[in-house]
Amino acid sequence: MIHLEKFDTGLWTVTIDRTDKANSLTRDMLVRLAEIAEDAHVAKALVITGKGKVFSAGADLDQAKAGLAKDAVWERLSSAIASLPGLSIAALNGTLAGGAFGMALACDLRISVPTAKFFYPVMKLGFLPQPSDPGRMAALVGPSRAKLILMSGQKVLADEAHAMGLVDRIVAPEALLETATGLCADVLGAKPEIAAGIKQLCR
């Protein structure tokens, strides 16, 4: 359900593939994603995408009710992505919902197809968001818009997400991975310490 490709250039691409369940995430899938992100400190760039028309609907509903919504594995995953020395990109092939936000927010860049929707319905479901997600979201869109998504449960369309800074670029579905790879080109051609140094200066 989690596919990893490694290229000689130093690029790693990860694809979430559980299209029959809207790419919802089980604990095993989250652990695998976290392991990949932890190992990706040796990669120059990491691109995370999904298969089908949804990036991820968040936690598997049955497992969420059984405790997955509060599991520490979400923070393990987002922390591993956020601490990568290379460039990380969420290539959002479709809707991003719930706990799956953590992966995208932890990435350096987010690009999206025009049809994607963004929502994080924790208030409605009775859960707190993952601890680092509100701060990362507010850093991108501002506190008020973060509350609009997290507290008012609003669904944000791709154009609005781009306007508020939640996503950095909107691209056609057929160009999504090509665009993501293109954004990695300078990093893949540079010394790793240069990328790590720039990321540190941007913090």
C-alpha atoms as a PDB file:
ATOM      1  CA  MET A   1       0.000   0.000   0.000  1.00  0.00           C
ATOM      2  CA  ILE A   2       3.048   2.237   0.359  1.00  0.00           C
ATOM      3  CA  HIS A   3       5.364   2.188  -2.650  1.00  0.00           C
ATOM      4  CA  LEU A   4       8.885   3.597  -2.556  1.00  0.00           C
ATOM      5  CA  GLU A   5      11.095   4.359  -5.543  1.00  0.00           C
ATOM      6  CA  LYS A   6      14.720   5.422  -5.175  1.00  0.00           C
ATOM      7  CA  PHE A   7      16.602   7.028  -8.042  1.00  0.00           C
ATOM      8  CA  ASP A   8      20.324   7.381  -8.611  1.00  0.00           C
ATOM      9  CA  THR A   9      19.911  11.167  -8.558  1.00  0.00           C
ATOM     10  CA  GLY A  10      19.076  11.074  -4.850  1.00  0.00           C
ATOM     11  CA  LEU A  11      15.324  11.482  -5.398  1.00  0.00           C
ATOM     12  CA  TRP A  12      12.929   9.262  -3.454  1.00  0.00           C
ATOM     13  CA  THR A  13       9.237   9.101  -4.362  1.00  0.00           C
ATOM     14  CA  VAL A  14       6.598   7.598  -2.092  1.00  0.00           C
ATOM     15  CA  THR A  15       3.109   6.707  -3.297  1.00  0.00           C
ATOM     16  CA  ILE A  16       0.115   5.955  -1.073  1.00  0.00           C
ATOM     17  CA  ASP A  17      -1.929   3.280  -2.826  1.00  0.00           C
ATOM     18  CA  ARG A  18      -5.160   2.261  -1.143  1.00  0.00           C
ATOM     19  CA  THR A  19      -7.572   3.664  -3.673  1.00  0.00           C
ATOM     20  CA  ASP A  20     -10.471   1.416  -2.628  1.00  0.00           C
ATOM     21  CA  LYS A  21     -10.450   3.225   0.738  1.00  0.00           C
ATOM     22  CA  ALA A  22      -9.655   6.754  -0.502  1.00  0.00           C
ATOM     23  CA  ASN A  23      -6.017   6.190   0.501  1.00  0.00           C
ATOM     24  CA  SER A  24      -7.011   6.218   4.167  1.00  0.00           C
ATOM     25  CA  LEU A  25      -4.117   5.317   6.428  1.00  0.00           C
ATOM     26  CA  THR A  26      -3.825   2.302   8.696  1.00  0.00           C
ATOM     27  CA  ARG A  27      -1.297   2.162  11.489  1.00  0.00           C
ATOM     28  CA  ASP A  28       0.896  -0.216   9.475  1.00  0.00           C
ATOM     29  CA  MET A  29       0.900   2.260   6.582  1.00  0.00           C
ATOM     30  CA  LEU A  30       1.814   5.123   8.903  1.00  0.00           C
ATOM     31  CA  VAL A  31       4.654   3.134  10.446  1.00  0.00           C
ATOM     32  CA  ARG A  32       5.975   2.331   6.972  1.00  0.00           C
ATOM     33  CA  LEU A  33       5.771   5.998   5.960  1.00  0.00           C
ATOM     34  CA  ALA A  34       7.573   7.012   9.149  1.00  0.00           C
ATOM     35  CA  GLU A  35      10.318   4.458   8.537  1.00  0.00           C
ATOM     36  CA  ILE A  36      10.814   5.757   5.011  1.00  0.00           C
ATOM     37  CA  ALA A  37      10.935   9.363   6.195  1.00  0.00           C
ATOM     38  CA  GLU A  38      13.459   8.479   8.875  1.00  0.00           C
ATOM     39  CA  ASP A  39      15.640   6.702   6.322  1.00  0.00           C
ATOM     40  CA  ALA A  40      15.280   9.554   3.824  1.00  0.00           C
ATOM     41  CA  HIS A  41      17.911  11.670   5.588  1.00  0.00           C
ATOM     42  CA  VAL A  42      20.275  10.134   3.011  1.00  0.00           C
ATOM     43  CA  ALA A  43      18.081  11.291   0.110  1.00  0.00           C
ATOM     44  CA  LYS A  44      18.469  14.667  -1.544  1.00  0.00           C
ATOM     45  CA  ALA A  45      14.732  15.037  -2.125  1.00  0.00           C
ATOM     46  CA  LEU A  46      11.553  13.253  -1.077  1.00  0.00           C
ATOM     47  CA  VAL A  47       8.252  13.475  -2.984  1.00  0.00           C
ATOM     48  CA  ILE A  48       5.089  12.075  -1.388  1.00  0.00           C
ATOM     49  CA  THR A  49       1.995  11.527  -3.525  1.00  0.00           C
ATOM     50  CA  GLY A  50      -1.062   9.316  -3.766  1.00  0.00           C
ATOM     51  CA  LYS A  51      -2.613   7.102  -6.389  1.00  0.00           C
ATOM     52  CA  GLY A  52      -6.045   7.872  -7.772  1.00  0.00           C
ATOM     53  CA  LYS A  53      -8.120  10.978  -7.176  1.00  0.00           C
ATOM     54  CA  VAL A  54      -7.547  11.366  -3.415  1.00  0.00           C
ATOM     55  CA  PHE A  55      -4.212  12.033  -1.749  1.00  0.00           C
ATOM     56  CA  SER A  56      -5.493  10.662   1.552  1.00  0.00           C
ATOM     57  CA  ALA A  57      -8.730  10.756   3.511  1.00  0.00           C
ATOM     58  CA  GLY A  58      -6.742  10.586   6.758  1.00  0.00           C
ATOM     59  CA  ALA A  59      -7.011   7.773   9.258  1.00  0.00           C
ATOM     60  CA  ASP A  60      -8.781   4.531   8.466  1.00  0.00           C
ATOM     61  CA  LEU A  61     -12.135   5.069  10.182  1.00  0.00           C
ATOM     62  CA  ASP A  62     -12.286   1.739  11.978  1.00  0.00           C
ATOM     63  CA  GLN A  63      -8.760   2.126  13.303  1.00  0.00           C
ATOM     64  CA  ALA A  64      -9.380   5.769  14.196  1.00  0.00           C
ATOM     65  CA  LYS A  65     -12.251   4.734  16.446  1.00  0.00           C
ATOM     66  CA  ALA A  66     -10.004   2.088  17.982  1.00  0.00           C
ATOM     67  CA  GLY A  67      -7.357   4.647  18.947  1.00  0.00           C
ATOM     68  CA  LEU A  68      -5.361   5.444  15.818  1.00  0.00           C
ATOM     69  CA  ALA A  69      -6.538   9.076  15.842  1.00  0.00           C
ATOM     70  CA  LYS A  70      -4.505   9.646  19.012  1.00  0.00           C
ATOM     71  CA  ASP A  71      -1.550   7.424  18.158  1.00  0.00           C
ATOM     72  CA  ALA A  72       1.956   8.902  18.421  1.00  0.00           C
ATOM     73  CA  VAL A  73       2.837   7.504  14.993  1.00  0.00           C
ATOM     74  CA  TRP A  74       1.354  10.618  13.329  1.00  0.00           C
ATOM     75  CA  GLU A  75       3.833  12.867  15.106  1.00  0.00           C
ATOM     76  CA  ARG A  76       6.634  10.416  14.443  1.00  0.00           C
ATOM     77  CA  LEU A  77       5.910  10.702  10.723  1.00  0.00           C
ATOM     78  CA  SER A  78       5.530  14.472  10.507  1.00  0.00           C
ATOM     79  CA  SER A  79       8.577  15.085  12.705  1.00  0.00           C
ATOM     80  CA  ALA A  80      10.689  12.814  10.508  1.00  0.00           C
ATOM     81  CA  ILE A  81       9.622  14.700   7.389  1.00  0.00           C
ATOM     82  CA  ALA A  82      10.138  18.118   8.968  1.00  0.00           C
ATOM     83  CA  SER A  83      13.667  17.222  10.065  1.00  0.00           C
ATOM     84  CA  LEU A  84      14.867  16.038   6.649  1.00  0.00           C
ATOM     85  CA  PRO A  85      17.954  17.911   5.397  1.00  0.00           C
ATOM     86  CA  GLY A  86      16.839  17.645   1.764  1.00  0.00           C
ATOM     87  CA  LEU A  87      13.815  19.065  -0.044  1.00  0.00           C
ATOM     88  CA  SER A  88      10.443  17.469   0.712  1.00  0.00           C
ATOM     89  CA  ILE A  89       7.394  17.953  -1.508  1.00  0.00           C
ATOM     90  CA  ALA A  90       3.795  16.851  -1.067  1.00  0.00           C
ATOM     91  CA  ALA A  91       2.449  16.256  -4.587  1.00  0.00           C
ATOM     92  CA  LEU A  92      -1.250  16.326  -3.797  1.00  0.00           C
ATOM     93  CA  ASN A  93      -3.033  14.323  -6.479  1.00  0.00           C
ATOM     94  CA  GLY A  94      -6.400  15.019  -4.871  1.00  0.00           C
ATOM     95  CA  THR A  95      -8.223  15.753  -1.649  1.00  0.00           C
ATOM     96  CA  LEU A  96      -6.256  16.019   1.594  1.00  0.00           C
ATOM     97  CA  ALA A  97      -8.185  15.360   4.795  1.00  0.00           C
ATOM     98  CA  GLY A  98      -7.763  14.821   8.505  1.00  0.00           C
ATOM     99  CA  GLY A  99      -4.553  13.469   9.942  1.00  0.00           C
ATOM    100  CA  ALA A 100      -2.995  13.182   6.488  1.00  0.00           C
ATOM    101  CA  PHE A 101      -2.520  16.945   6.744  1.00  0.00           C
ATOM    102  CA  GLY A 102       0.486  16.270   8.978  1.00  0.00           C
ATOM    103  CA  MET A 103       2.558  14.860   6.139  1.00  0.00           C
ATOM    104  CA  ALA A 104       1.770  17.731   3.804  1.00  0.00           C
ATOM    105  CA  LEU A 105       2.268  20.455   6.413  1.00  0.00           C
ATOM    106  CA  ALA A 106       5.644  18.986   7.374  1.00  0.00           C
ATOM    107  CA  CYS A 107       6.879  19.107   3.774  1.00  0.00           C
ATOM    108  CA  ASP A 108       8.838  22.072   2.450  1.00  0.00           C
ATOM    109  CA  LEU A 109       6.512  22.515  -0.534  1.00  0.00           C
ATOM    110  CA  ARG A 110       2.977  21.511  -1.449  1.00  0.00           C
ATOM    111  CA  ILE A 111       1.703  21.342  -5.029  1.00  0.00           C
ATOM    112  CA  SER A 112      -1.853  20.389  -5.873  1.00  0.00           C
ATOM    113  CA  VAL A 113      -4.171  19.428  -8.681  1.00  0.00           C
ATOM    114  CA  PRO A 114      -7.036  21.900  -9.319  1.00  0.00           C
ATOM    115  CA  THR A 115      -9.750  19.541  -8.069  1.00  0.00           C
ATOM    116  CA  ALA A 116      -8.292  18.940  -4.611  1.00  0.00           C
ATOM    117  CA  LYS A 117     -10.190  19.876  -1.461  1.00  0.00           C
ATOM    118  CA  PHE A 118      -8.659  20.437   1.956  1.00  0.00           C
ATOM    119  CA  PHE A 119     -10.395  19.804   5.254  1.00  0.00           C
ATOM    120  CA  TYR A 120      -9.488  18.688   8.772  1.00  0.00           C
ATOM    121  CA  PRO A 121     -12.772  17.881  10.601  1.00  0.00           C
ATOM    122  CA  VAL A 122     -11.414  17.280  14.100  1.00  0.00           C
ATOM    123  CA  MET A 123     -14.046  19.415  15.835  1.00  0.00           C
ATOM    124  CA  LYS A 124     -16.856  17.441  14.249  1.00  0.00           C
ATOM    125  CA  LEU A 125     -15.225  14.099  15.030  1.00  0.00           C
ATOM    126  CA  GLY A 126     -14.322  15.039  18.596  1.00  0.00           C
ATOM    127  CA  PHE A 127     -10.535  14.743  18.317  1.00  0.00           C
ATOM    128  CA  LEU A 128      -7.706  17.175  18.797  1.00  0.00           C
ATOM    129  CA  PRO A 129      -5.460  17.630  15.756  1.00  0.00           C
ATOM    130  CA  GLN A 130      -1.976  16.171  15.895  1.00  0.00           C
ATOM    131  CA  PRO A 131       0.116  18.461  18.157  1.00  0.00           C
ATOM    132  CA  SER A 132       2.391  19.975  15.515  1.00  0.00           C
ATOM    133  CA  ASP A 133      -0.263  20.445  12.814  1.00  0.00           C
ATOM    134  CA  PRO A 134      -1.953  23.663  14.031  1.00  0.00           C
ATOM    135  CA  GLY A 135       1.354  25.492  14.434  1.00  0.00           C
ATOM    136  CA  ARG A 136       2.595  24.449  11.003  1.00  0.00           C
ATOM    137  CA  MET A 137      -0.735  25.342   9.443  1.00  0.00           C
ATOM    138  CA  ALA A 138      -0.841  28.750  11.151  1.00  0.00           C
ATOM    139  CA  ALA A 139       2.719  29.454   9.959  1.00  0.00           C
ATOM    140  CA  LEU A 140       1.503  28.985   6.381  1.00  0.00           C
ATOM    141  CA  VAL A 141      -1.942  30.575   6.392  1.00  0.00           C
ATOM    142  CA  GLY A 142      -2.124  32.609   9.605  1.00  0.00           C
ATOM    143  CA  PRO A 143      -3.942  31.841  12.872  1.00  0.00           C
ATOM    144  CA  SER A 144      -7.412  32.906  11.701  1.00  0.00           C
ATOM    145  CA  ARG A 145      -7.405  30.747   8.598  1.00  0.00           C
ATOM    146  CA  ALA A 146      -5.995  27.831  10.584  1.00  0.00           C
ATOM    147  CA  LYS A 147      -8.989  28.169  12.914  1.00  0.00           C
ATOM    148  CA  LEU A 148     -11.288  28.399   9.889  1.00  0.00           C
ATOM    149  CA  ILE A 149     -10.102  24.949   8.836  1.00  0.00           C
ATOM    150  CA  LEU A 150      -9.635  23.342  12.252  1.00  0.00           C
ATOM    151  CA  MET A 151     -12.472  24.881  14.274  1.00  0.00           C
ATOM    152  CA  SER A 152     -15.084  25.776  11.679  1.00  0.00           C
ATOM    153  CA  GLY A 153     -14.481  22.615   9.680  1.00  0.00           C
ATOM    154  CA  GLN A 154     -14.447  24.472   6.386  1.00  0.00           C
ATOM    155  CA  LYS A 155     -13.560  22.706   3.158  1.00  0.00           C
ATOM    156  CA  VAL A 156     -11.057  24.769   1.208  1.00  0.00           C
ATOM    157  CA  LEU A 157     -10.850  24.390  -2.564  1.00  0.00           C
ATOM    158  CA  ALA A 158      -7.513  24.356  -4.372  1.00  0.00           C
ATOM    159  CA  ASP A 159      -7.702  27.944  -5.633  1.00  0.00           C
ATOM    160  CA  GLU A 160      -8.426  29.274  -2.154  1.00  0.00           C
ATOM    161  CA  ALA A 161      -5.739  27.042  -0.656  1.00  0.00           C
ATOM    162  CA  HIS A 162      -3.258  28.514  -3.109  1.00  0.00           C
ATOM    163  CA  ALA A 163      -4.366  32.081  -2.385  1.00  0.00           C
ATOM    164  CA  MET A 164      -3.959  31.620   1.363  1.00  0.00           C
ATOM    165  CA  GLY A 165      -0.563  29.918   1.058  1.00  0.00           C
ATOM    166  CA  LEU A 166      -1.568  26.398   2.015  1.00  0.00           C
ATOM    167  CA  VAL A 167      -0.323  25.138  -1.355  1.00  0.00           C
ATOM    168  CA  ASP A 168       2.487  26.668  -3.384  1.00  0.00           C
ATOM    169  CA  ARG A 169       1.442  25.790  -6.912  1.00  0.00           C
ATOM    170  CA  ILE A 170      -1.529  24.307  -8.756  1.00  0.00           C
ATOM    171  CA  VAL A 171      -0.752  22.025 -11.692  1.00  0.00           C
ATOM    172  CA  ALA A 172      -2.639  19.733 -14.047  1.00  0.00           C
ATOM    173  CA  PRO A 173      -2.894  16.107 -12.853  1.00  0.00           C
ATOM    174  CA  GLU A 174      -0.827  14.791 -15.751  1.00  0.00           C
ATOM    175  CA  ALA A 175       1.989  17.216 -14.877  1.00  0.00           C
ATOM    176  CA  LEU A 176       1.988  16.704 -11.109  1.00  0.00           C
ATOM    177  CA  LEU A 177       4.963  14.388 -10.705  1.00  0.00           C
ATOM    178  CA  GLU A 178       6.905  16.038 -13.506  1.00  0.00           C
ATOM    179  CA  THR A 179       6.457  19.385 -11.771  1.00  0.00           C
ATOM    180  CA  ALA A 180       7.474  17.944  -8.413  1.00  0.00           C
ATOM    181  CA  THR A 181      10.590  16.409  -9.925  1.00  0.00           C
ATOM    182  CA  GLY A 182      11.393  19.666 -11.690  1.00  0.00           C
ATOM    183  CA  LEU A 183      11.212  21.559  -8.407  1.00  0.00           C
ATOM    184  CA  CYS A 184      13.829  19.147  -7.049  1.00  0.00           C
ATOM    185  CA  ALA A 185      16.276  19.674  -9.927  1.00  0.00           C
ATOM    186  CA  ASP A 186      18.579  22.222  -8.270  1.00  0.00           C
ATOM    187  CA  VAL A 187      18.667  20.256  -5.028  1.00  0.00           C
ATOM    188  CA  LEU A 188      19.467  17.012  -6.836  1.00  0.00           C
ATOM    189  CA  GLY A 189      22.361  18.721  -8.620  1.00  0.00           C
ATOM    190  CA  ALA A 190      23.831  20.350  -5.515  1.00  0.00           C
ATOM    191  CA  LYS A 191      25.856  19.196  -2.549  1.00  0.00           C
ATOM    192  CA  PRO A 192      23.602  17.980   0.281  1.00  0.00           C
ATOM    193  CA  GLU A 193      25.107  20.407   2.779  1.00  0.00           C
ATOM    194  CA  ILE A 194      23.958  23.361   0.648  1.00  0.00           C
ATOM    195  CA  ALA A 195      20.321  22.261   0.799  1.00  0.00           C
ATOM    196  CA  ALA A 196      20.574  21.554   4.514  1.00  0.00           C
ATOM    197  CA  GLY A 197      22.163  24.950   5.090  1.00  0.00           C
ATOM    198  CA  ILE A 198      19.451  26.814   3.195  1.00  0.00           C
ATOM    199  CA  LYS A 199      16.712  24.981   5.106  1.00  0.00           C
ATOM    200  CA  GLN A 200      18.352  25.903   8.388  1.00  0.00           C
ATOM    201  CA  LEU A 201      18.566  29.565   7.359  1.00  0.00           C
ATOM    202  CA  CYS A 202      14.864  29.565   6.426  1.00  0.00           C
ATOM    203  CA  ARG A 203      13.776  28.348   9.845  1.00  0.00           C
END
